[in-house]
C-alpha atoms as a PDB file:
ATOM      1  CA  MET A   1       0.000   0.000   0.000  1.00  0.00           C
ATOM      2  CA  ALA A   2       1.277   3.498  -0.795  1.00  0.00           C
ATOM      3  CA  SER A   3       2.826   5.203   2.192  1.00  0.00           C
ATOM      4  CA  ILE A   4       2.198   8.754   3.352  1.00  0.00           C
ATOM      5  CA  THR A   5       5.579   9.908   2.030  1.00  0.00           C
ATOM      6  CA  ASP A   6       4.692   8.525  -1.389  1.00  0.00           C
ATOM      7  CA  ARG A   7       1.831  11.028  -1.521  1.00  0.00           C
ATOM      8  CA  LEU A   8       3.935  14.155  -1.077  1.00  0.00           C
ATOM      9  CA  PRO A   9       3.706  16.553  -4.044  1.00  0.00           C
ATOM     10  CA  ARG A  10       5.977  15.621  -6.952  1.00  0.00           C
ATOM     11  CA  PRO A  11       6.815  17.300 -10.265  1.00  0.00           C
ATOM     12  CA  TRP A  12       4.812  14.622 -12.025  1.00  0.00           C
ATOM     13  CA  ARG A  13       1.434  12.983 -11.607  1.00  0.00           C
ATOM     14  CA  GLY A  14       1.004   9.272 -11.448  1.00  0.00           C
ATOM     15  CA  ARG A  15       1.570   6.320  -9.251  1.00  0.00           C
ATOM     16  CA  GLY A  16       2.530   6.581  -5.634  1.00  0.00           C
ATOM     17  CA  ASP A  17       5.786   4.642  -6.065  1.00  0.00           C
ATOM     18  CA  GLY A  18       8.609   4.100  -8.499  1.00  0.00           C
ATOM     19  CA  PRO A  19      10.818   6.539 -10.421  1.00  0.00           C
ATOM     20  CA  PRO A  20       9.418   9.458 -12.440  1.00  0.00           C
ATOM     21  CA  PRO A  21       8.325   8.630 -15.978  1.00  0.00           C
ATOM     22  CA  GLN A  22      10.866   9.139 -18.720  1.00  0.00           C
ATOM     23  CA  GLY A  23       9.873  11.483 -21.500  1.00  0.00           C
ATOM     24  CA  ASP A  24       6.552  13.187 -22.029  1.00  0.00           C
ATOM     25  CA  PHE A  25       4.341  10.228 -21.241  1.00  0.00           C
ATOM     26  CA  PRO A  26       0.783  11.109 -20.179  1.00  0.00           C
ATOM     27  CA  PRO A  27      -0.191  10.270 -16.601  1.00  0.00           C
ATOM     28  CA  PRO A  28      -2.141   7.057 -16.061  1.00  0.00           C
ATOM     29  CA  PRO A  29      -5.914   7.527 -16.029  1.00  0.00           C
ATOM     30  CA  ASP A  30      -7.775   7.937 -12.763  1.00  0.00           C
ATOM     31  CA  ASP A  31      -9.559   4.632 -13.324  1.00  0.00           C
ATOM     32  CA  SER A  32      -6.289   2.680 -13.406  1.00  0.00           C
ATOM     33  CA  GLU A  33      -6.567  -0.938 -12.356  1.00  0.00           C
ATOM     34  CA  ASP A  34      -3.658  -0.504  -9.956  1.00  0.00           C
ATOM     35  CA  PRO A  35      -5.212  -0.534  -6.446  1.00  0.00           C
ATOM     36  CA  GLU A  36      -2.354   1.676  -5.233  1.00  0.00           C
ATOM     37  CA  PHE A  37      -2.981   4.414  -7.808  1.00  0.00           C
ATOM     38  CA  PHE A  38      -4.050   7.835  -6.564  1.00  0.00           C
ATOM     39  CA  LEU A  39      -4.368  11.233  -8.200  1.00  0.00           C
ATOM     40  CA  GLU A  40      -2.162  14.140  -7.227  1.00  0.00           C
ATOM     41  CA  MET A  41      -3.508  17.695  -7.409  1.00  0.00           C
ATOM     42  CA  THR A  42      -1.870  21.080  -7.294  1.00  0.00           C
ATOM     43  CA  LEU A  43      -2.584  23.561  -4.498  1.00  0.00           C
ATOM     44  CA  GLN A  44      -4.747  25.649  -6.843  1.00  0.00           C
ATOM     45  CA  GLU A  45      -6.788  22.594  -7.810  1.00  0.00           C
ATOM     46  CA  HIS A  46      -7.262  21.710  -4.123  1.00  0.00           C
ATOM     47  CA  LEU A  47      -8.504  25.229  -3.325  1.00  0.00           C
ATOM     48  CA  GLU A  48     -10.884  25.262  -6.291  1.00  0.00           C
ATOM     49  CA  GLU A  49     -12.255  21.854  -5.318  1.00  0.00           C
ATOM     50  CA  LEU A  50     -12.687  23.043  -1.710  1.00  0.00           C
ATOM     51  CA  ARG A  51     -14.570  26.147  -2.881  1.00  0.00           C
ATOM     52  CA  ILE A  52     -17.013  24.029  -4.901  1.00  0.00           C
ATOM     53  CA  ARG A  53     -17.649  21.635  -2.001  1.00  0.00           C
ATOM     54  CA  ILE A  54     -18.234  24.518   0.445  1.00  0.00           C
ATOM     55  CA  ILE A  55     -20.790  26.059  -1.915  1.00  0.00           C
ATOM     56  CA  TYR A  56     -22.693  22.761  -2.195  1.00  0.00           C
ATOM     57  CA  CYS A  57     -22.638  22.296   1.601  1.00  0.00           C
ATOM     58  CA  THR A  58     -23.792  25.873   2.263  1.00  0.00           C
ATOM     59  CA  VAL A  59     -26.731  25.608  -0.141  1.00  0.00           C
ATOM     60  CA  THR A  60     -27.722  22.246   1.369  1.00  0.00           C
ATOM     61  CA  VAL A  61     -27.716  23.623   4.928  1.00  0.00           C
ATOM     62  CA  LEU A  62     -29.746  26.671   3.886  1.00  0.00           C
ATOM     63  CA  ILE A  63     -32.397  24.465   2.288  1.00  0.00           C
ATOM     64  CA  ALA A  64     -32.435  22.259   5.388  1.00  0.00           C
ATOM     65  CA  LEU A  65     -32.870  25.342   7.593  1.00  0.00           C
ATOM     66  CA  ILE A  66     -36.044  26.219   5.722  1.00  0.00           C
ATOM     67  CA  ALA A  67     -37.356  22.652   6.129  1.00  0.00           C
ATOM     68  CA  SER A  68     -36.355  22.580   9.818  1.00  0.00           C
ATOM     69  CA  PHE A  69     -38.397  25.711  10.501  1.00  0.00           C
ATOM     70  CA  PHE A  70     -41.603  23.655  10.226  1.00  0.00           C
ATOM     71  CA  ILE A  71     -40.590  20.991  12.783  1.00  0.00           C
ATOM     72  CA  VAL A  72     -38.376  22.810  15.299  1.00  0.00           C
ATOM     73  CA  ASP A  73     -41.272  23.716  17.628  1.00  0.00           C
ATOM     74  CA  GLU A  74     -42.430  20.092  17.801  1.00  0.00           C
ATOM     75  CA  VAL A  75     -38.892  18.928  18.549  1.00  0.00           C
ATOM     76  CA  PHE A  76     -38.583  21.510  21.315  1.00  0.00           C
ATOM     77  CA  ARG A  77     -41.922  20.408  22.814  1.00  0.00           C
ATOM     78  CA  ALA A  78     -40.745  16.784  22.734  1.00  0.00           C
ATOM     79  CA  ILE A  79     -37.579  17.778  24.593  1.00  0.00           C
ATOM     80  CA  ALA A  80     -39.584  19.638  27.232  1.00  0.00           C
ATOM     81  CA  GLU A  81     -41.979  16.699  27.608  1.00  0.00           C
ATOM     82  CA  GLN A  82     -39.170  14.195  28.091  1.00  0.00           C
ATOM     83  CA  ALA A  83     -37.550  16.529  30.622  1.00  0.00           C
ATOM     84  CA  ASN A  84     -40.724  16.547  32.745  1.00  0.00           C
ATOM     85  CA  VAL A  85     -40.791  20.351  32.633  1.00  0.00           C
ATOM     86  CA  PRO A  86     -43.827  21.807  34.463  1.00  0.00           C
ATOM     87  CA  ASP A  87     -46.501  22.891  31.936  1.00  0.00           C
ATOM     88  CA  GLY A  88     -44.023  22.197  29.101  1.00  0.00           C
ATOM     89  CA  GLU A  89     -42.556  25.711  29.386  1.00  0.00           C
ATOM     90  CA  VAL A  90     -38.770  25.805  29.764  1.00  0.00           C
ATOM     91  CA  VAL A  91     -37.284  28.595  31.867  1.00  0.00           C
ATOM     92  CA  THR A  92     -35.208  31.368  30.265  1.00  0.00           C
ATOM     93  CA  LEU A  93     -33.137  33.739  32.399  1.00  0.00           C
ATOM     94  CA  SER A  94     -31.880  36.293  29.868  1.00  0.00           C
ATOM     95  CA  PRO A  95     -33.640  38.385  27.182  1.00  0.00           C
ATOM     96  CA  THR A  96     -31.985  36.558  24.279  1.00  0.00           C
ATOM     97  CA  GLU A  97     -31.848  33.046  25.743  1.00  0.00           C
ATOM     98  CA  GLY A  98     -35.136  31.915  24.225  1.00  0.00           C
ATOM     99  CA  PHE A  99     -34.223  32.991  20.694  1.00  0.00           C
ATOM    100  CA  VAL A 100     -30.636  31.710  20.886  1.00  0.00           C
ATOM    101  CA  THR A 101     -31.722  28.326  22.254  1.00  0.00           C
ATOM    102  CA  TRP A 102     -34.520  27.978  19.695  1.00  0.00           C
ATOM    103  CA  PHE A 103     -32.160  28.856  16.836  1.00  0.00           C
ATOM    104  CA  LYS A 104     -29.546  26.408  18.157  1.00  0.00           C
ATOM    105  CA  VAL A 105     -32.098  23.597  17.964  1.00  0.00           C
ATOM    106  CA  LEU A 106     -33.107  24.778  14.468  1.00  0.00           C
ATOM    107  CA  LEU A 107     -29.472  24.764  13.304  1.00  0.00           C
ATOM    108  CA  TYR A 108     -28.723  21.311  14.684  1.00  0.00           C
ATOM    109  CA  ILE A 109     -31.830  19.867  13.042  1.00  0.00           C
ATOM    110  CA  ALA A 110     -30.727  21.401   9.729  1.00  0.00           C
ATOM    111  CA  ILE A 111     -27.222  19.961  10.086  1.00  0.00           C
ATOM    112  CA  ALA A 112     -28.651  16.534  10.913  1.00  0.00           C
ATOM    113  CA  LEU A 113     -30.870  16.651   7.811  1.00  0.00           C
ATOM    114  CA  SER A 114     -27.923  17.825   5.695  1.00  0.00           C
ATOM    115  CA  MET A 115     -25.469  15.243   7.032  1.00  0.00           C
ATOM    116  CA  PRO A 116     -25.696  12.771   4.102  1.00  0.00           C
ATOM    117  CA  MET A 117     -24.855  15.513   1.602  1.00  0.00           C
ATOM    118  CA  LEU A 118     -22.145  16.980   3.865  1.00  0.00           C
ATOM    119  CA  VAL A 119     -20.456  13.592   4.212  1.00  0.00           C
ATOM    120  CA  PHE A 120     -20.771  12.990   0.476  1.00  0.00           C
ATOM    121  CA  GLN A 121     -19.126  16.325  -0.348  1.00  0.00           C
ATOM    122  CA  ALA A 122     -16.322  15.619   2.148  1.00  0.00           C
ATOM    123  CA  LEU A 123     -15.673  12.279   0.468  1.00  0.00           C
ATOM    124  CA  ARG A 124     -15.698  13.909  -2.972  1.00  0.00           C
ATOM    125  CA  TYR A 125     -13.050  16.333  -1.731  1.00  0.00           C
ATOM    126  CA  ILE A 126     -10.670  13.717  -0.327  1.00  0.00           C
ATOM    127  CA  ALA A 127     -11.331  11.042  -2.972  1.00  0.00           C
ATOM    128  CA  PRO A 128      -8.514  12.103  -5.372  1.00  0.00           C
ATOM    129  CA  GLY A 129      -5.967  11.458  -2.588  1.00  0.00           C
ATOM    130  CA  LEU A 130      -7.194   7.927  -1.875  1.00  0.00           C
ATOM    131  CA  THR A 131      -6.101   4.736  -3.567  1.00  0.00           C
ATOM    132  CA  ARG A 132      -8.670   2.434  -5.130  1.00  0.00           C
ATOM    133  CA  ARG A 133      -8.495   0.115  -2.112  1.00  0.00           C
ATOM    134  CA  GLU A 134      -9.067   3.011   0.285  1.00  0.00           C
ATOM    135  CA  LYS A 135     -11.933   4.420  -1.787  1.00  0.00           C
ATOM    136  CA  ARG A 136     -13.612   1.030  -1.828  1.00  0.00           C
ATOM    137  CA  ALA A 137     -13.345   0.721   1.960  1.00  0.00           C
ATOM    138  CA  VAL A 138     -14.715   4.229   2.535  1.00  0.00           C
ATOM    139  CA  TYR A 139     -17.612   3.932   0.092  1.00  0.00           C
ATOM    140  CA  LEU A 140     -18.622   0.501   1.383  1.00  0.00           C
ATOM    141  CA  SER A 141     -18.718   1.816   4.940  1.00  0.00           C
ATOM    142  CA  LEU A 142     -20.668   5.006   4.129  1.00  0.00           C
ATOM    143  CA  PRO A 143     -24.192   3.495   4.406  1.00  0.00           C
ATOM    144  CA  VAL A 144     -23.197   1.724   7.617  1.00  0.00           C
ATOM    145  CA  VAL A 145     -21.722   4.935   9.062  1.00  0.00           C
ATOM    146  CA  SER A 146     -24.934   6.855   8.350  1.00  0.00           C
ATOM    147  CA  ALA A 147     -27.201   4.121   9.719  1.00  0.00           C
ATOM    148  CA  LEU A 148     -25.153   3.697  12.900  1.00  0.00           C
ATOM    149  CA  PHE A 149     -25.043   7.433  13.607  1.00  0.00           C
ATOM    150  CA  VAL A 150     -28.797   7.807  13.107  1.00  0.00           C
ATOM    151  CA  GLY A 151     -29.363   4.698  15.216  1.00  0.00           C
ATOM    152  CA  GLY A 152     -27.177   6.096  17.988  1.00  0.00           C
ATOM    153  CA  MET A 153     -29.046   9.397  18.044  1.00  0.00           C
ATOM    154  CA  ALA A 154     -32.397   7.591  18.040  1.00  0.00           C
ATOM    155  CA  PHE A 155     -31.224   5.370  20.905  1.00  0.00           C
ATOM    156  CA  ALA A 156     -30.185   8.475  22.849  1.00  0.00           C
ATOM    157  CA  PHE A 157     -33.425  10.370  22.158  1.00  0.00           C
ATOM    158  CA  PHE A 158     -35.914   7.575  22.819  1.00  0.00           C
ATOM    159  CA  ILE A 159     -34.159   5.444  25.462  1.00  0.00           C
ATOM    160  CA  ALA A 160     -31.033   6.840  27.115  1.00  0.00           C
ATOM    161  CA  ILE A 161     -32.020  10.490  27.604  1.00  0.00           C
ATOM    162  CA  PRO A 162     -35.596   9.898  28.880  1.00  0.00           C
ATOM    163  CA  ARG A 163     -34.307   7.426  31.492  1.00  0.00           C
ATOM    164  CA  ALA A 164     -31.570   9.833  32.553  1.00  0.00           C
ATOM    165  CA  LEU A 165     -34.043  12.706  32.822  1.00  0.00           C
ATOM    166  CA  ASP A 166     -36.486  10.591  34.818  1.00  0.00           C
ATOM    167  CA  PHE A 167     -33.711   9.928  37.312  1.00  0.00           C
ATOM    168  CA  LEU A 168     -32.554  13.552  37.453  1.00  0.00           C
ATOM    169  CA  SER A 169     -36.013  15.135  37.642  1.00  0.00           C
ATOM    170  CA  GLY A 170     -37.079  12.832  40.468  1.00  0.00           C
ATOM    171  CA  PHE A 171     -33.866  12.982  42.473  1.00  0.00           C
ATOM    172  CA  LYS A 172     -34.569  14.314  45.986  1.00  0.00           C
ATOM    173  CA  SER A 173     -37.788  15.976  44.847  1.00  0.00           C
ATOM    174  CA  SER A 174     -38.503  16.932  48.462  1.00  0.00           C
ATOM    175  CA  LEU A 175     -35.356  19.087  48.445  1.00  0.00           C
ATOM    176  CA  PHE A 176     -35.090  20.351  44.854  1.00  0.00           C
ATOM    177  CA  ASN A 177     -37.578  22.038  42.527  1.00  0.00           C
ATOM    178  CA  TRP A 178     -36.997  20.595  39.044  1.00  0.00           C
ATOM    179  CA  ASP A 179     -37.246  23.430  36.523  1.00  0.00           C
ATOM    180  CA  PRO A 180     -34.256  23.259  34.116  1.00  0.00           C
ATOM    181  CA  ARG A 181     -33.020  26.261  32.190  1.00  0.00           C
ATOM    182  CA  ALA A 182     -33.621  26.196  28.414  1.00  0.00           C
ATOM    183  CA  SER A 183     -29.999  26.625  27.281  1.00  0.00           C
ATOM    184  CA  GLU A 184     -28.680  24.021  29.717  1.00  0.00           C
ATOM    185  CA  LEU A 185     -31.381  21.504  28.792  1.00  0.00           C
ATOM    186  CA  VAL A 186     -30.646  21.824  25.067  1.00  0.00           C
ATOM    187  CA  THR A 187     -26.881  21.593  25.679  1.00  0.00           C
ATOM    188  CA  PHE A 188     -27.504  18.446  27.739  1.00  0.00           C
ATOM    189  CA  TYR A 189     -29.483  16.895  24.885  1.00  0.00           C
ATOM    190  CA  LEU A 190     -27.017  17.808  22.157  1.00  0.00           C
ATOM    191  CA  ARG A 191     -23.961  16.631  24.111  1.00  0.00           C
ATOM    192  CA  LEU A 192     -25.510  13.288  24.985  1.00  0.00           C
ATOM    193  CA  MET A 193     -26.953  12.630  21.527  1.00  0.00           C
ATOM    194  CA  LEU A 194     -23.686  13.537  19.820  1.00  0.00           C
ATOM    195  CA  GLY A 195     -21.634  11.414  22.221  1.00  0.00           C
ATOM    196  CA  ILE A 196     -23.822   8.334  21.788  1.00  0.00           C
ATOM    197  CA  GLY A 197     -24.045   8.864  18.025  1.00  0.00           C
ATOM    198  CA  ILE A 198     -20.242   8.928  17.741  1.00  0.00           C
ATOM    199  CA  ALA A 199     -19.899   5.915  20.046  1.00  0.00           C
ATOM    200  CA  PHE A 200     -22.222   3.946  17.754  1.00  0.00           C
ATOM    201  CA  GLU A 201     -19.726   4.464  14.895  1.00  0.00           C
ATOM    202  CA  LEU A 202     -17.403   1.862  16.455  1.00  0.00           C
ATOM    203  CA  PRO A 203     -18.284  -1.019  14.056  1.00  0.00           C
ATOM    204  CA  ALA A 204     -17.791   1.213  11.007  1.00  0.00           C
ATOM    205  CA  LEU A 205     -14.378   2.343  12.269  1.00  0.00           C
ATOM    206  CA  MET A 206     -13.374  -1.267  12.910  1.00  0.00           C
ATOM    207  CA  PHE A 207     -14.580  -2.250   9.426  1.00  0.00           C
ATOM    208  CA  ILE A 208     -12.493   0.459   7.750  1.00  0.00           C
ATOM    209  CA  LEU A 209      -9.384  -0.450   9.753  1.00  0.00           C
ATOM    210  CA  GLY A 210      -9.913  -4.112   8.920  1.00  0.00           C
ATOM    211  CA  LYS A 211     -10.435  -3.350   5.226  1.00  0.00           C
ATOM    212  CA  LEU A 212      -7.168  -1.404   5.159  1.00  0.00           C
ATOM    213  CA  GLY A 213      -5.328  -4.221   6.903  1.00  0.00           C
ATOM    214  CA  VAL A 214      -4.566  -2.260  10.067  1.00  0.00           C
ATOM    215  CA  VAL A 215      -6.294  -4.749  12.406  1.00  0.00           C
ATOM    216  CA  THR A 216      -7.521  -8.336  12.161  1.00  0.00           C
ATOM    217  CA  ALA A 217     -10.477 -10.117  13.734  1.00  0.00           C
ATOM    218  CA  GLN A 218      -8.075 -12.228  15.797  1.00  0.00           C
ATOM    219  CA  GLN A 219      -6.382  -9.144  17.268  1.00  0.00           C
ATOM    220  CA  LEU A 220      -9.733  -7.561  18.138  1.00  0.00           C
ATOM    221  CA  GLY A 221     -10.954 -10.795  19.682  1.00  0.00           C
ATOM    222  CA  ARG A 222      -7.908 -11.004  21.949  1.00  0.00           C
ATOM    223  CA  ALA A 223      -8.527  -7.390  23.040  1.00  0.00           C
ATOM    224  CA  ARG A 224     -12.087  -8.037  24.255  1.00  0.00           C
ATOM    225  CA  LYS A 225     -11.360  -7.548  27.951  1.00  0.00           C
ATOM    226  CA  PHE A 226      -9.564  -4.256  27.296  1.00  0.00           C
ATOM    227  CA  ALA A 227     -12.367  -3.163  24.990  1.00  0.00           C
ATOM    228  CA  PHE A 228     -14.968  -3.875  27.666  1.00  0.00           C
ATOM    229  CA  ILE A 229     -13.061  -1.729  30.167  1.00  0.00           C
ATOM    230  CA  GLY A 230     -12.769   1.043  27.583  1.00  0.00           C
ATOM    231  CA  VAL A 231     -16.505   0.841  26.865  1.00  0.00           C
ATOM    232  CA  LEU A 232     -17.286   1.181  30.576  1.00  0.00           C
ATOM    233  CA  ILE A 233     -15.044   4.245  30.835  1.00  0.00           C
ATOM    234  CA  ALA A 234     -16.632   5.819  27.745  1.00  0.00           C
ATOM    235  CA  ALA A 235     -20.134   5.100  29.064  1.00  0.00           C
ATOM    236  CA  ALA A 236     -19.247   6.672  32.411  1.00  0.00           C
ATOM    237  CA  ILE A 237     -18.077   9.815  30.598  1.00  0.00           C
ATOM    238  CA  ILE A 238     -21.113   9.989  28.301  1.00  0.00           C
ATOM    239  CA  THR A 239     -23.715   9.149  30.953  1.00  0.00           C
ATOM    240  CA  PRO A 240     -24.884  12.311  32.751  1.00  0.00           C
ATOM    241  CA  THR A 241     -25.991  10.423  35.867  1.00  0.00           C
ATOM    242  CA  PRO A 242     -23.789   8.568  38.387  1.00  0.00           C
ATOM    243  CA  ASP A 243     -26.039   5.522  38.801  1.00  0.00           C
ATOM    244  CA  PRO A 244     -24.787   2.227  37.299  1.00  0.00           C
ATOM    245  CA  VAL A 245     -28.151   1.367  35.700  1.00  0.00           C
ATOM    246  CA  ASN A 246     -28.066   4.264  33.230  1.00  0.00           C
ATOM    247  CA  MET A 247     -24.374   3.665  32.613  1.00  0.00           C
ATOM    248  CA  MET A 248     -24.994   0.033  31.669  1.00  0.00           C
ATOM    249  CA  ILE A 249     -27.889   1.073  29.396  1.00  0.00           C
ATOM    250  CA  ILE A 250     -25.269   2.849  27.289  1.00  0.00           C
ATOM    251  CA  ALA A 251     -22.324   0.480  27.858  1.00  0.00           C
ATOM    252  CA  LEU A 252     -24.026  -2.774  26.840  1.00  0.00           C
ATOM    253  CA  PRO A 253     -25.185  -1.630  23.352  1.00  0.00           C
ATOM    254  CA  ILE A 254     -21.724  -0.194  22.641  1.00  0.00           C
ATOM    255  CA  TYR A 255     -20.051  -3.481  23.591  1.00  0.00           C
ATOM    256  CA  VAL A 256     -22.530  -5.363  21.376  1.00  0.00           C
ATOM    257  CA  LEU A 257     -21.461  -3.028  18.563  1.00  0.00           C
ATOM    258  CA  TYR A 258     -17.827  -3.946  19.296  1.00  0.00           C
ATOM    259  CA  GLU A 259     -18.691  -7.609  18.770  1.00  0.00           C
ATOM    260  CA  LEU A 260     -20.550  -6.631  15.593  1.00  0.00           C
ATOM    261  CA  GLY A 261     -17.413  -4.793  14.448  1.00  0.00           C
ATOM    262  CA  ILE A 262     -15.363  -7.985  14.922  1.00  0.00           C
ATOM    263  CA  LEU A 263     -17.869  -9.776  12.683  1.00  0.00           C
ATOM    264  CA  PHE A 264     -17.536  -7.039  10.044  1.00  0.00           C
ATOM    265  CA  VAL A 265     -13.735  -7.322  10.129  1.00  0.00           C
ATOM    266  CA  ARG A 266     -13.953 -11.111   9.797  1.00  0.00           C
ATOM    267  CA  LEU A 267     -16.065 -10.653   6.655  1.00  0.00           C
ATOM    268  CA  THR A 268     -13.613  -8.224   4.998  1.00  0.00           C
END
């Protein structure tokens, strides 16, 4: 496989190894059968490609913002309902807090809706610097990456967060009046959903590393006990409550995903 040093800019385009071509031979086509072939681009070409991808991403997010406008209120009401907020009205303590919090939810919904296009544009930007083997691994994992991230966010929204909020809202109710602030409640939701969504990407990461030959199923199998400890630590960091029940609700699915990742690597 071509090394990183083989991909440093050269005065010719072509393969990632071997001496420069003799004479004025044309560079090999981008669809070369060599799995180690990758395309080199000049700095100007990189900047032009980046400009095009940014334009596509910006337009996509703007369209998603318009679509998100029609559902943001319902999402906010669902958050307030899950948080057991009295009368469904979340407290704001500053003149701009309501608008800023509402717009933050609107923006995150738009980014979530735009994510497939954003990931696609990112892949289009880095694709010329990948070999055929690397492109195949990335493209094969793309549907799995999207499904796992959406699944992780859904797991957080419908299972993990409601249970955590039930615990927090009922904790020492004789001593504390549960009435969370709007900005802190939204930050709590976004941090937990993002953390669980990223944690659910573990099988996809293992698949890519296995496809590139970095790890094997045997190595991952021997590391099970260390992986389980790492999963417990990650769950303790992600979980907003100190009780072991909520921590295990997050830890067990992530460890199951680790075992699923071993299966993916074995199938590569």
